[in-house]
N, C-alpha and C. Protein backbone atom coordinates (compact mmCIF):
# COMPACT_ATOMS: atom_id res chain seq x y z
N MET A 1 -102.05 79.66 -167.67
CA MET A 1 -101.87 78.59 -166.69
C MET A 1 -101.28 79.20 -165.43
N SER A 2 -101.84 78.88 -164.28
CA SER A 2 -101.32 79.43 -163.03
C SER A 2 -100.97 78.31 -162.08
N ARG A 3 -99.97 78.53 -161.27
CA ARG A 3 -99.54 77.55 -160.29
C ARG A 3 -100.24 77.82 -158.97
N GLN A 4 -100.61 76.76 -158.26
CA GLN A 4 -101.24 76.89 -156.96
C GLN A 4 -100.18 76.95 -155.88
N ILE A 5 -100.42 77.74 -154.86
CA ILE A 5 -99.50 77.81 -153.74
C ILE A 5 -100.24 77.46 -152.48
N PRO A 6 -99.56 76.94 -151.46
CA PRO A 6 -100.24 76.60 -150.22
C PRO A 6 -100.86 77.83 -149.60
N SER A 7 -101.97 77.63 -148.86
CA SER A 7 -102.60 78.76 -148.18
C SER A 7 -101.67 79.30 -147.11
N VAL A 8 -101.75 80.60 -146.86
CA VAL A 8 -100.89 81.25 -145.89
C VAL A 8 -101.63 81.34 -144.57
N PRO A 9 -101.02 80.91 -143.45
CA PRO A 9 -101.69 81.01 -142.16
C PRO A 9 -102.11 82.44 -141.88
N GLU A 10 -103.23 82.58 -141.14
CA GLU A 10 -103.78 83.92 -140.91
C GLU A 10 -102.79 84.83 -140.21
N GLN A 11 -102.03 84.29 -139.24
CA GLN A 11 -101.12 85.17 -138.53
C GLN A 11 -100.01 85.69 -139.43
N LEU A 12 -99.62 84.93 -140.44
CA LEU A 12 -98.61 85.40 -141.37
C LEU A 12 -99.19 86.50 -142.26
N ALA A 13 -100.43 86.32 -142.69
CA ALA A 13 -101.06 87.33 -143.52
C ALA A 13 -101.20 88.63 -142.74
N LEU A 14 -101.57 88.52 -141.48
CA LEU A 14 -101.72 89.71 -140.66
C LEU A 14 -100.38 90.39 -140.43
N ALA A 15 -99.31 89.61 -140.47
CA ALA A 15 -97.98 90.17 -140.25
C ALA A 15 -97.44 90.86 -141.49
N GLY A 16 -98.21 90.86 -142.58
CA GLY A 16 -97.78 91.58 -143.77
C GLY A 16 -97.41 90.68 -144.93
N PHE A 17 -97.59 89.37 -144.77
CA PHE A 17 -97.28 88.45 -145.86
C PHE A 17 -98.43 88.42 -146.84
N ASP A 18 -98.12 88.42 -148.11
CA ASP A 18 -99.13 88.45 -149.15
C ASP A 18 -99.37 87.04 -149.64
N ALA A 19 -100.63 86.60 -149.57
CA ALA A 19 -100.94 85.23 -149.99
C ALA A 19 -100.88 85.07 -151.50
N ALA A 20 -101.04 86.15 -152.26
CA ALA A 20 -101.05 86.05 -153.72
C ALA A 20 -99.64 85.78 -154.24
N PRO A 21 -99.50 84.87 -155.19
CA PRO A 21 -98.16 84.60 -155.75
C PRO A 21 -97.65 85.78 -156.56
N ARG A 22 -96.37 85.99 -156.50
CA ARG A 22 -95.77 87.06 -157.30
C ARG A 22 -95.64 86.62 -158.75
N PRO A 23 -95.85 87.54 -159.69
CA PRO A 23 -95.66 87.18 -161.10
C PRO A 23 -94.23 86.72 -161.36
N THR A 24 -94.11 85.73 -162.21
CA THR A 24 -92.80 85.19 -162.58
C THR A 24 -92.52 85.33 -164.07
N ASP A 25 -93.54 85.68 -164.83
CA ASP A 25 -93.41 85.68 -166.29
C ASP A 25 -94.05 86.93 -166.87
N ARG A 26 -93.38 87.52 -167.85
CA ARG A 26 -93.89 88.71 -168.53
C ARG A 26 -93.87 88.47 -170.04
N LEU A 27 -94.87 89.00 -170.71
CA LEU A 27 -94.94 88.92 -172.17
C LEU A 27 -94.94 90.32 -172.76
N PHE A 28 -94.22 90.50 -173.86
CA PHE A 28 -94.27 91.78 -174.57
C PHE A 28 -93.79 91.61 -176.00
N PHE A 29 -94.28 92.49 -176.87
CA PHE A 29 -93.77 92.58 -178.23
C PHE A 29 -92.59 93.54 -178.23
N ALA A 30 -91.56 93.24 -179.00
CA ALA A 30 -90.37 94.09 -179.00
C ALA A 30 -89.67 94.05 -180.35
N ILE A 31 -88.82 95.05 -180.52
CA ILE A 31 -87.89 95.12 -181.64
C ILE A 31 -86.48 95.14 -181.05
N PHE A 32 -85.60 94.32 -181.60
CA PHE A 32 -84.23 94.26 -181.13
C PHE A 32 -83.29 94.89 -182.16
N PRO A 33 -82.25 95.56 -181.69
CA PRO A 33 -81.26 96.11 -182.64
C PRO A 33 -80.45 94.98 -183.27
N ASP A 34 -79.88 95.26 -184.43
CA ASP A 34 -78.97 94.28 -185.01
C ASP A 34 -77.67 94.27 -184.20
N ALA A 35 -76.78 93.35 -184.51
CA ALA A 35 -75.58 93.16 -183.69
C ALA A 35 -74.70 94.40 -183.66
N ASP A 36 -74.56 95.07 -184.79
CA ASP A 36 -73.73 96.27 -184.84
C ASP A 36 -74.33 97.38 -183.98
N ALA A 37 -75.63 97.59 -184.10
CA ALA A 37 -76.28 98.65 -183.31
C ALA A 37 -76.23 98.30 -181.82
N ALA A 38 -76.42 97.03 -181.47
CA ALA A 38 -76.37 96.62 -180.07
C ALA A 38 -74.99 96.89 -179.48
N ALA A 39 -73.95 96.63 -180.27
CA ALA A 39 -72.58 96.88 -179.80
C ALA A 39 -72.35 98.37 -179.59
N ARG A 40 -72.88 99.20 -180.49
CA ARG A 40 -72.74 100.65 -180.34
C ARG A 40 -73.51 101.16 -179.13
N ILE A 41 -74.69 100.60 -178.90
CA ILE A 41 -75.48 100.99 -177.73
C ILE A 41 -74.74 100.61 -176.45
N ALA A 42 -74.14 99.42 -176.42
CA ALA A 42 -73.40 98.98 -175.24
C ALA A 42 -72.21 99.91 -174.96
N GLN A 43 -71.50 100.29 -176.01
CA GLN A 43 -70.37 101.20 -175.85
C GLN A 43 -70.84 102.56 -175.34
N LEU A 44 -71.94 103.05 -175.89
CA LEU A 44 -72.47 104.34 -175.45
C LEU A 44 -72.95 104.27 -174.00
N ALA A 45 -73.61 103.17 -173.63
CA ALA A 45 -74.10 103.02 -172.26
C ALA A 45 -72.95 103.10 -171.26
N GLN A 46 -71.86 102.44 -171.57
CA GLN A 46 -70.70 102.47 -170.67
C GLN A 46 -70.10 103.87 -170.59
N HIS A 47 -70.01 104.53 -171.76
CA HIS A 47 -69.46 105.89 -171.80
C HIS A 47 -70.31 106.85 -170.98
N LEU A 48 -71.63 106.81 -171.17
CA LEU A 48 -72.52 107.71 -170.44
C LEU A 48 -72.52 107.38 -168.95
N ARG A 49 -72.43 106.13 -168.61
CA ARG A 49 -72.37 105.73 -167.20
C ARG A 49 -71.16 106.36 -166.52
N ASP A 50 -70.01 106.26 -167.18
CA ASP A 50 -68.79 106.83 -166.62
C ASP A 50 -68.87 108.35 -166.57
N GLU A 51 -69.38 108.94 -167.65
CA GLU A 51 -69.45 110.39 -167.75
C GLU A 51 -70.38 110.99 -166.69
N GLN A 52 -71.47 110.32 -166.42
CA GLN A 52 -72.47 110.83 -165.48
C GLN A 52 -72.26 110.33 -164.04
N GLY A 53 -71.27 109.49 -163.84
CA GLY A 53 -71.02 108.96 -162.50
C GLY A 53 -72.12 108.04 -162.00
N LEU A 54 -72.74 107.30 -162.91
CA LEU A 54 -73.79 106.38 -162.52
C LEU A 54 -73.19 105.07 -162.02
N LYS A 55 -73.93 104.39 -161.18
CA LYS A 55 -73.43 103.14 -160.61
C LYS A 55 -74.17 101.91 -161.14
N GLY A 56 -75.30 102.12 -161.79
CA GLY A 56 -76.04 100.99 -162.34
C GLY A 56 -75.27 100.31 -163.45
N ARG A 57 -75.39 99.01 -163.51
CA ARG A 57 -74.68 98.24 -164.54
C ARG A 57 -75.47 98.26 -165.85
N PRO A 58 -74.82 98.57 -166.98
CA PRO A 58 -75.54 98.53 -168.26
C PRO A 58 -76.11 97.14 -168.54
N LEU A 59 -77.25 97.11 -169.21
CA LEU A 59 -77.83 95.83 -169.59
C LEU A 59 -76.89 95.10 -170.56
N ALA A 60 -77.02 93.80 -170.61
CA ALA A 60 -76.26 93.03 -171.58
C ALA A 60 -76.74 93.39 -172.99
N PRO A 61 -75.84 93.41 -173.97
CA PRO A 61 -76.24 93.82 -175.33
C PRO A 61 -77.44 93.07 -175.89
N GLU A 62 -77.58 91.78 -175.55
CA GLU A 62 -78.69 91.02 -176.09
C GLU A 62 -80.03 91.40 -175.46
N ARG A 63 -80.00 92.21 -174.40
CA ARG A 63 -81.25 92.64 -173.76
C ARG A 63 -81.72 94.02 -174.22
N PHE A 64 -80.91 94.74 -174.98
CA PHE A 64 -81.36 96.04 -175.51
C PHE A 64 -82.52 95.81 -176.47
N HIS A 65 -83.58 96.59 -176.30
CA HIS A 65 -84.75 96.41 -177.16
C HIS A 65 -85.65 97.62 -177.08
N ILE A 66 -86.57 97.71 -178.02
CA ILE A 66 -87.65 98.68 -177.99
C ILE A 66 -88.94 97.91 -177.70
N THR A 67 -89.58 98.20 -176.60
CA THR A 67 -90.87 97.57 -176.32
C THR A 67 -91.94 98.20 -177.21
N LEU A 68 -92.75 97.35 -177.82
CA LEU A 68 -93.87 97.81 -178.64
C LEU A 68 -95.17 97.80 -177.82
N HIS A 69 -95.45 96.67 -177.20
CA HIS A 69 -96.64 96.53 -176.35
C HIS A 69 -96.34 95.56 -175.22
N HIS A 70 -96.68 95.95 -174.03
CA HIS A 70 -96.60 95.07 -172.86
C HIS A 70 -97.87 94.23 -172.83
N LEU A 71 -97.73 92.93 -172.57
CA LEU A 71 -98.86 92.01 -172.59
C LEU A 71 -99.14 91.38 -171.23
N GLY A 72 -98.60 91.97 -170.17
CA GLY A 72 -98.96 91.52 -168.83
C GLY A 72 -97.91 90.68 -168.13
N ASP A 73 -98.05 90.62 -166.79
CA ASP A 73 -97.21 89.81 -165.93
C ASP A 73 -98.07 88.68 -165.36
N TYR A 74 -97.50 87.48 -165.27
CA TYR A 74 -98.28 86.30 -164.91
C TYR A 74 -97.47 85.36 -164.02
N VAL A 75 -98.20 84.41 -163.43
CA VAL A 75 -97.56 83.27 -162.77
C VAL A 75 -97.67 82.11 -163.73
N GLY A 76 -96.58 81.81 -164.41
CA GLY A 76 -96.63 80.84 -165.49
C GLY A 76 -96.88 81.52 -166.82
N LEU A 77 -96.69 80.79 -167.89
CA LEU A 77 -96.84 81.34 -169.23
C LEU A 77 -98.27 81.14 -169.72
N PRO A 78 -99.03 82.22 -169.94
CA PRO A 78 -100.45 82.09 -170.34
C PRO A 78 -100.57 81.77 -171.84
N GLN A 79 -100.86 80.52 -172.13
CA GLN A 79 -100.88 80.09 -173.53
C GLN A 79 -101.97 80.79 -174.33
N GLY A 80 -103.09 81.15 -173.68
CA GLY A 80 -104.14 81.85 -174.40
C GLY A 80 -103.69 83.22 -174.88
N ILE A 81 -102.93 83.93 -174.04
CA ILE A 81 -102.40 85.24 -174.43
C ILE A 81 -101.36 85.08 -175.54
N VAL A 82 -100.52 84.07 -175.42
CA VAL A 82 -99.52 83.80 -176.46
C VAL A 82 -100.20 83.54 -177.79
N ALA A 83 -101.26 82.74 -177.77
CA ALA A 83 -101.97 82.41 -179.02
C ALA A 83 -102.63 83.65 -179.62
N ALA A 84 -103.28 84.47 -178.79
CA ALA A 84 -103.94 85.67 -179.29
C ALA A 84 -102.92 86.66 -179.83
N ALA A 85 -101.78 86.79 -179.15
CA ALA A 85 -100.72 87.69 -179.61
C ALA A 85 -100.16 87.22 -180.95
N SER A 86 -99.99 85.92 -181.08
CA SER A 86 -99.47 85.37 -182.34
C SER A 86 -100.45 85.59 -183.48
N ASP A 87 -101.73 85.41 -183.20
CA ASP A 87 -102.75 85.66 -184.23
C ASP A 87 -102.71 87.11 -184.69
N ALA A 88 -102.56 88.03 -183.72
CA ALA A 88 -102.51 89.46 -184.07
C ALA A 88 -101.28 89.77 -184.91
N ALA A 89 -100.14 89.27 -184.47
CA ALA A 89 -98.88 89.56 -185.17
C ALA A 89 -98.90 89.06 -186.61
N ALA A 90 -99.53 87.92 -186.82
CA ALA A 90 -99.55 87.31 -188.15
C ALA A 90 -100.31 88.15 -189.17
N THR A 91 -101.15 89.08 -188.72
CA THR A 91 -101.95 89.88 -189.64
C THR A 91 -101.29 91.20 -190.01
N VAL A 92 -100.19 91.54 -189.34
CA VAL A 92 -99.57 92.85 -189.54
C VAL A 92 -98.66 92.81 -190.77
N ALA A 93 -98.86 93.75 -191.67
CA ALA A 93 -98.03 93.86 -192.87
C ALA A 93 -97.50 95.29 -192.98
N MET A 94 -96.17 95.41 -192.92
CA MET A 94 -95.53 96.72 -193.06
C MET A 94 -94.11 96.49 -193.53
N PRO A 95 -93.62 97.27 -194.46
CA PRO A 95 -92.26 97.06 -194.95
C PRO A 95 -91.22 97.44 -193.89
N PRO A 96 -89.99 96.94 -194.02
CA PRO A 96 -88.92 97.33 -193.10
C PRO A 96 -88.77 98.84 -193.04
N PHE A 97 -88.33 99.34 -191.89
CA PHE A 97 -88.19 100.78 -191.70
C PHE A 97 -86.98 101.09 -190.82
N GLU A 98 -86.59 102.35 -190.82
CA GLU A 98 -85.44 102.79 -190.04
C GLU A 98 -85.88 103.37 -188.69
N VAL A 99 -85.05 103.16 -187.67
CA VAL A 99 -85.21 103.84 -186.39
C VAL A 99 -83.89 104.54 -186.06
N ALA A 100 -83.97 105.65 -185.35
CA ALA A 100 -82.76 106.40 -184.99
C ALA A 100 -83.00 107.11 -183.66
N PHE A 101 -82.07 106.93 -182.73
CA PHE A 101 -82.15 107.54 -181.41
C PHE A 101 -81.03 108.57 -181.28
N ASP A 102 -81.40 109.78 -180.78
CA ASP A 102 -80.44 110.87 -180.80
C ASP A 102 -80.31 111.61 -179.46
N ARG A 103 -80.85 111.02 -178.39
CA ARG A 103 -80.72 111.66 -177.08
C ARG A 103 -80.79 110.60 -175.97
N ALA A 104 -80.32 110.97 -174.79
CA ALA A 104 -80.37 110.08 -173.63
C ALA A 104 -80.90 110.86 -172.43
N GLU A 105 -81.65 110.20 -171.57
CA GLU A 105 -82.17 110.85 -170.38
C GLU A 105 -82.69 109.78 -169.42
N SER A 106 -83.00 110.22 -168.19
CA SER A 106 -83.59 109.32 -167.21
C SER A 106 -85.10 109.48 -167.20
N PHE A 107 -85.80 108.38 -167.00
CA PHE A 107 -87.22 108.43 -166.70
C PHE A 107 -87.38 108.53 -165.19
N PHE A 108 -88.52 109.03 -164.76
CA PHE A 108 -88.80 109.11 -163.33
C PHE A 108 -89.41 107.79 -162.88
N GLY A 109 -88.55 106.84 -162.55
CA GLY A 109 -89.02 105.56 -162.03
C GLY A 109 -88.95 105.55 -160.52
N ARG A 110 -89.00 104.35 -159.95
CA ARG A 110 -88.88 104.22 -158.50
C ARG A 110 -87.48 104.62 -158.06
N PRO A 111 -87.33 105.17 -156.85
CA PRO A 111 -85.99 105.49 -156.34
C PRO A 111 -85.09 104.27 -156.43
N ARG A 112 -83.86 104.50 -156.82
CA ARG A 112 -82.84 103.45 -157.01
C ARG A 112 -83.13 102.55 -158.22
N ASN A 113 -84.17 102.90 -158.96
CA ASN A 113 -84.51 102.06 -160.10
C ASN A 113 -85.00 102.92 -161.26
N ARG A 114 -84.36 104.08 -161.46
CA ARG A 114 -84.78 104.97 -162.54
C ARG A 114 -84.15 104.52 -163.86
N PRO A 115 -84.97 104.26 -164.88
CA PRO A 115 -84.41 103.84 -166.17
C PRO A 115 -83.66 105.00 -166.84
N PHE A 116 -82.46 104.73 -167.29
CA PHE A 116 -81.67 105.66 -168.10
C PHE A 116 -81.75 105.14 -169.52
N VAL A 117 -82.29 105.95 -170.45
CA VAL A 117 -82.73 105.42 -171.74
C VAL A 117 -82.26 106.26 -172.92
N LEU A 118 -82.32 105.65 -174.10
CA LEU A 118 -82.20 106.36 -175.36
C LEU A 118 -83.58 106.80 -175.79
N ARG A 119 -83.68 108.04 -176.30
CA ARG A 119 -84.94 108.58 -176.80
C ARG A 119 -84.73 109.08 -178.22
N ALA A 120 -85.83 109.47 -178.85
CA ALA A 120 -85.75 109.90 -180.24
C ALA A 120 -86.85 110.90 -180.54
N GLY A 121 -86.68 111.63 -181.64
CA GLY A 121 -87.70 112.54 -182.14
C GLY A 121 -88.28 112.01 -183.42
N ASP A 122 -87.93 112.66 -184.53
CA ASP A 122 -88.46 112.25 -185.82
C ASP A 122 -87.92 110.90 -186.28
N GLY A 123 -86.87 110.41 -185.64
CA GLY A 123 -86.24 109.16 -186.07
C GLY A 123 -87.05 107.91 -185.79
N VAL A 124 -88.23 108.07 -185.13
CA VAL A 124 -89.06 106.91 -184.85
C VAL A 124 -90.48 107.08 -185.38
N ALA A 125 -90.65 107.93 -186.38
CA ALA A 125 -91.99 108.17 -186.94
C ALA A 125 -92.59 106.88 -187.49
N ALA A 126 -91.81 106.12 -188.26
CA ALA A 126 -92.32 104.86 -188.83
C ALA A 126 -92.58 103.84 -187.72
N LEU A 127 -91.75 103.86 -186.69
CA LEU A 127 -91.94 102.96 -185.55
C LEU A 127 -93.29 103.22 -184.89
N ARG A 128 -93.63 104.48 -184.72
CA ARG A 128 -94.92 104.81 -184.11
C ARG A 128 -96.09 104.28 -184.94
N VAL A 129 -95.98 104.41 -186.26
CA VAL A 129 -97.03 103.89 -187.14
C VAL A 129 -97.14 102.38 -186.98
N PHE A 130 -95.99 101.71 -186.95
CA PHE A 130 -96.00 100.25 -186.81
C PHE A 130 -96.59 99.84 -185.46
N GLN A 131 -96.21 100.52 -184.39
CA GLN A 131 -96.72 100.19 -183.06
C GLN A 131 -98.24 100.35 -183.01
N GLN A 132 -98.76 101.38 -183.66
CA GLN A 132 -100.20 101.60 -183.69
C GLN A 132 -100.90 100.51 -184.52
N THR A 133 -100.27 100.14 -185.63
CA THR A 133 -100.84 99.09 -186.48
C THR A 133 -100.93 97.76 -185.73
N LEU A 134 -99.86 97.42 -184.99
CA LEU A 134 -99.87 96.21 -184.20
C LEU A 134 -100.93 96.30 -183.10
N GLY A 135 -101.07 97.48 -182.50
CA GLY A 135 -102.09 97.67 -181.48
C GLY A 135 -103.50 97.43 -182.00
N GLU A 136 -103.78 97.90 -183.21
CA GLU A 136 -105.10 97.67 -183.80
C GLU A 136 -105.32 96.18 -184.05
N ALA A 137 -104.29 95.48 -184.47
CA ALA A 137 -104.41 94.04 -184.67
C ALA A 137 -104.65 93.32 -183.34
N MET A 138 -104.02 93.79 -182.27
CA MET A 138 -104.23 93.21 -180.94
C MET A 138 -105.68 93.37 -180.49
N LYS A 139 -106.25 94.51 -180.76
CA LYS A 139 -107.65 94.75 -180.36
C LYS A 139 -108.58 93.73 -181.02
N LYS A 140 -108.28 93.33 -182.24
CA LYS A 140 -109.14 92.40 -182.97
C LYS A 140 -109.03 90.97 -182.45
N THR A 141 -107.97 90.68 -181.67
CA THR A 141 -107.83 89.33 -181.11
C THR A 141 -108.06 89.32 -179.61
N GLY A 142 -108.71 90.36 -179.10
CA GLY A 142 -109.07 90.38 -177.69
C GLY A 142 -108.02 90.89 -176.73
N LEU A 143 -106.98 91.54 -177.27
CA LEU A 143 -105.90 92.04 -176.42
C LEU A 143 -105.92 93.56 -176.29
N GLY A 144 -107.07 94.16 -176.54
CA GLY A 144 -107.16 95.61 -176.51
C GLY A 144 -106.81 96.24 -175.18
N ARG A 145 -106.99 95.51 -174.08
CA ARG A 145 -106.68 96.08 -172.76
C ARG A 145 -105.22 96.42 -172.60
N TRP A 146 -104.36 95.83 -173.44
CA TRP A 146 -102.92 96.06 -173.33
C TRP A 146 -102.43 97.15 -174.28
N VAL A 147 -103.32 97.73 -175.03
CA VAL A 147 -102.92 98.78 -175.97
C VAL A 147 -103.00 100.13 -175.26
N GLU A 148 -101.84 100.70 -174.93
CA GLU A 148 -101.78 101.97 -174.21
C GLU A 148 -102.09 103.14 -175.14
N PRO A 149 -102.79 104.17 -174.64
CA PRO A 149 -103.11 105.31 -175.49
C PRO A 149 -101.88 106.18 -175.82
N GLN A 150 -100.88 106.14 -174.97
CA GLN A 150 -99.65 106.90 -175.19
C GLN A 150 -98.48 105.95 -175.38
N TYR A 151 -97.56 106.33 -176.26
CA TYR A 151 -96.40 105.46 -176.54
C TYR A 151 -95.14 106.30 -176.57
N THR A 152 -94.15 105.90 -175.80
CA THR A 152 -92.86 106.60 -175.74
C THR A 152 -91.76 105.64 -176.14
N PRO A 153 -91.35 105.62 -177.41
CA PRO A 153 -90.29 104.70 -177.84
C PRO A 153 -88.98 105.00 -177.10
N HIS A 154 -88.31 103.95 -176.64
CA HIS A 154 -87.04 104.12 -175.95
C HIS A 154 -86.30 102.79 -175.89
N VAL A 155 -85.02 102.89 -175.60
CA VAL A 155 -84.17 101.73 -175.34
C VAL A 155 -83.55 101.93 -173.97
N THR A 156 -83.84 101.07 -173.01
CA THR A 156 -83.27 101.19 -171.67
C THR A 156 -81.81 100.75 -171.69
N LEU A 157 -80.94 101.61 -171.14
CA LEU A 157 -79.51 101.32 -171.07
C LEU A 157 -79.13 100.69 -169.74
N LEU A 158 -79.69 101.23 -168.65
CA LEU A 158 -79.38 100.76 -167.30
C LEU A 158 -80.39 101.36 -166.34
N TYR A 159 -80.30 100.95 -165.08
CA TYR A 159 -81.13 101.51 -164.02
C TYR A 159 -80.22 102.10 -162.95
N ASP A 160 -80.61 103.26 -162.41
CA ASP A 160 -79.77 103.93 -161.42
C ASP A 160 -80.64 104.77 -160.50
N ASP A 161 -80.09 105.17 -159.35
CA ASP A 161 -80.88 106.00 -158.43
C ASP A 161 -80.82 107.47 -158.79
N ARG A 162 -79.90 107.87 -159.64
CA ARG A 162 -79.80 109.28 -160.03
C ARG A 162 -80.68 109.58 -161.23
N HIS A 163 -81.07 110.84 -161.32
CA HIS A 163 -81.81 111.31 -162.49
C HIS A 163 -80.89 112.15 -163.36
N VAL A 164 -80.80 111.80 -164.64
CA VAL A 164 -79.96 112.51 -165.60
C VAL A 164 -80.84 113.25 -166.59
N ALA A 165 -80.61 114.54 -166.75
CA ALA A 165 -81.41 115.35 -167.67
C ALA A 165 -81.14 114.95 -169.12
N GLU A 166 -82.09 115.29 -169.99
CA GLU A 166 -81.95 114.97 -171.41
C GLU A 166 -80.68 115.59 -171.98
N GLN A 167 -79.97 114.83 -172.81
CA GLN A 167 -78.76 115.31 -173.47
C GLN A 167 -78.65 114.69 -174.85
N PRO A 168 -78.09 115.42 -175.81
CA PRO A 168 -77.95 114.86 -177.16
C PRO A 168 -76.83 113.82 -177.20
N ILE A 169 -76.97 112.86 -178.09
CA ILE A 169 -75.93 111.86 -178.33
C ILE A 169 -75.72 111.74 -179.83
N GLU A 170 -74.62 111.11 -180.21
CA GLU A 170 -74.43 110.78 -181.63
C GLU A 170 -75.48 109.74 -182.00
N THR A 171 -76.19 109.98 -183.07
CA THR A 171 -77.33 109.14 -183.43
C THR A 171 -76.95 107.67 -183.62
N ILE A 172 -77.75 106.82 -183.03
CA ILE A 172 -77.61 105.37 -183.21
C ILE A 172 -78.90 104.86 -183.83
N GLY A 173 -78.79 104.18 -184.96
CA GLY A 173 -79.97 103.68 -185.63
C GLY A 173 -79.72 102.36 -186.33
N TRP A 174 -80.79 101.76 -186.79
CA TRP A 174 -80.69 100.53 -187.56
C TRP A 174 -81.97 100.33 -188.36
N ARG A 175 -81.93 99.40 -189.28
CA ARG A 175 -83.10 99.08 -190.10
C ARG A 175 -83.83 97.91 -189.47
N VAL A 176 -85.10 98.08 -189.21
CA VAL A 176 -85.91 97.05 -188.55
C VAL A 176 -86.47 96.10 -189.60
N HIS A 177 -86.19 94.80 -189.42
CA HIS A 177 -86.64 93.79 -190.37
C HIS A 177 -87.64 92.81 -189.75
N GLU A 178 -87.80 92.83 -188.41
CA GLU A 178 -88.69 91.87 -187.77
C GLU A 178 -89.12 92.39 -186.40
N PHE A 179 -90.15 91.79 -185.85
CA PHE A 179 -90.53 92.05 -184.47
C PHE A 179 -90.74 90.71 -183.77
N VAL A 180 -90.71 90.73 -182.44
CA VAL A 180 -90.58 89.51 -181.66
C VAL A 180 -91.57 89.50 -180.50
N LEU A 181 -92.15 88.35 -180.21
CA LEU A 181 -92.90 88.13 -178.97
C LEU A 181 -91.94 87.56 -177.95
N VAL A 182 -91.78 88.27 -176.83
CA VAL A 182 -90.76 87.93 -175.86
C VAL A 182 -91.39 87.43 -174.56
N HIS A 183 -90.81 86.36 -174.03
CA HIS A 183 -91.16 85.84 -172.71
C HIS A 183 -90.02 86.22 -171.77
N SER A 184 -90.31 87.11 -170.82
CA SER A 184 -89.30 87.54 -169.86
C SER A 184 -89.49 86.78 -168.56
N LEU A 185 -88.41 86.18 -168.05
CA LEU A 185 -88.45 85.48 -166.77
C LEU A 185 -88.07 86.49 -165.70
N LEU A 186 -89.06 86.96 -164.96
CA LEU A 186 -88.86 88.06 -164.03
C LEU A 186 -87.87 87.68 -162.93
N GLY A 187 -86.96 88.61 -162.66
CA GLY A 187 -85.96 88.40 -161.63
C GLY A 187 -84.76 87.60 -162.07
N GLN A 188 -84.80 87.09 -163.30
CA GLN A 188 -83.69 86.28 -163.80
C GLN A 188 -82.91 86.97 -164.91
N GLY A 189 -83.43 88.10 -165.40
CA GLY A 189 -82.72 88.82 -166.45
C GLY A 189 -82.69 88.09 -167.77
N LEU A 190 -83.68 87.22 -168.01
CA LEU A 190 -83.70 86.43 -169.23
C LEU A 190 -84.88 86.82 -170.11
N HIS A 191 -84.59 87.04 -171.39
CA HIS A 191 -85.61 87.31 -172.39
C HIS A 191 -85.58 86.17 -173.40
N VAL A 192 -86.68 85.44 -173.49
CA VAL A 192 -86.75 84.28 -174.38
C VAL A 192 -87.68 84.61 -175.55
N PRO A 193 -87.16 84.67 -176.77
CA PRO A 193 -88.04 84.90 -177.93
C PRO A 193 -88.96 83.70 -178.15
N LEU A 194 -90.25 83.95 -178.20
CA LEU A 194 -91.21 82.88 -178.45
C LEU A 194 -91.53 82.75 -179.93
N ALA A 195 -91.55 83.88 -180.64
CA ALA A 195 -91.85 83.86 -182.08
C ALA A 195 -91.37 85.15 -182.70
N ARG A 196 -91.05 85.09 -183.99
CA ARG A 196 -90.59 86.24 -184.75
C ARG A 196 -91.42 86.37 -186.02
N TRP A 197 -91.65 87.63 -186.41
CA TRP A 197 -92.39 87.89 -187.64
C TRP A 197 -91.61 88.88 -188.50
N PRO A 198 -91.29 88.53 -189.73
CA PRO A 198 -90.59 89.47 -190.60
C PRO A 198 -91.52 90.60 -191.04
N LEU A 199 -90.96 91.78 -191.20
CA LEU A 199 -91.73 92.88 -191.76
C LEU A 199 -91.89 92.63 -193.25
N ARG A 200 -93.06 92.94 -193.75
CA ARG A 200 -93.38 92.62 -195.14
C ARG A 200 -94.44 93.59 -195.63
N VAL A 201 -94.60 93.66 -196.92
CA VAL A 201 -95.62 94.52 -197.53
C VAL A 201 -96.94 93.77 -197.54
């Protein structure tokens, strides 16, 4: 569903104004840490921020997550995409598994907006299998365009203008019992869970 906006006068468009509405809503599949792991991540984010002299504010603990698949940015909530994503998720069967993150580093994002994240090596092997399994299910419900060929599991801690090289951290992990379809309200810092699916055999 999309909202209509008034037409933009030609002189405004020529002056650099974009007539197309900006996206307000984002959909993605994600895994969230349990409360204990989220608290540990928050403590680590603050420690690393102070240690590295970063100025970006750590995300709120309830916003820490691992993105599985991005499902697009929209003006309004696209019910067709939500329905197709739900159909795909309902077909996925995999037992609970462990994830573990053992390093932190910056991604090369836009200046002043570089993600500082947790990364992992062998500690996310089962996560990769699950992400691929969900991707195959998405292809069967018409969402194949959102299945990226490369996947880099991470948890974003904060955004900053500085780039921090990879460094080891004390491992933070948890047991994954469910995955979530998330509706993100862009610019508001809000993540609204639309549906949850327990991991199962």
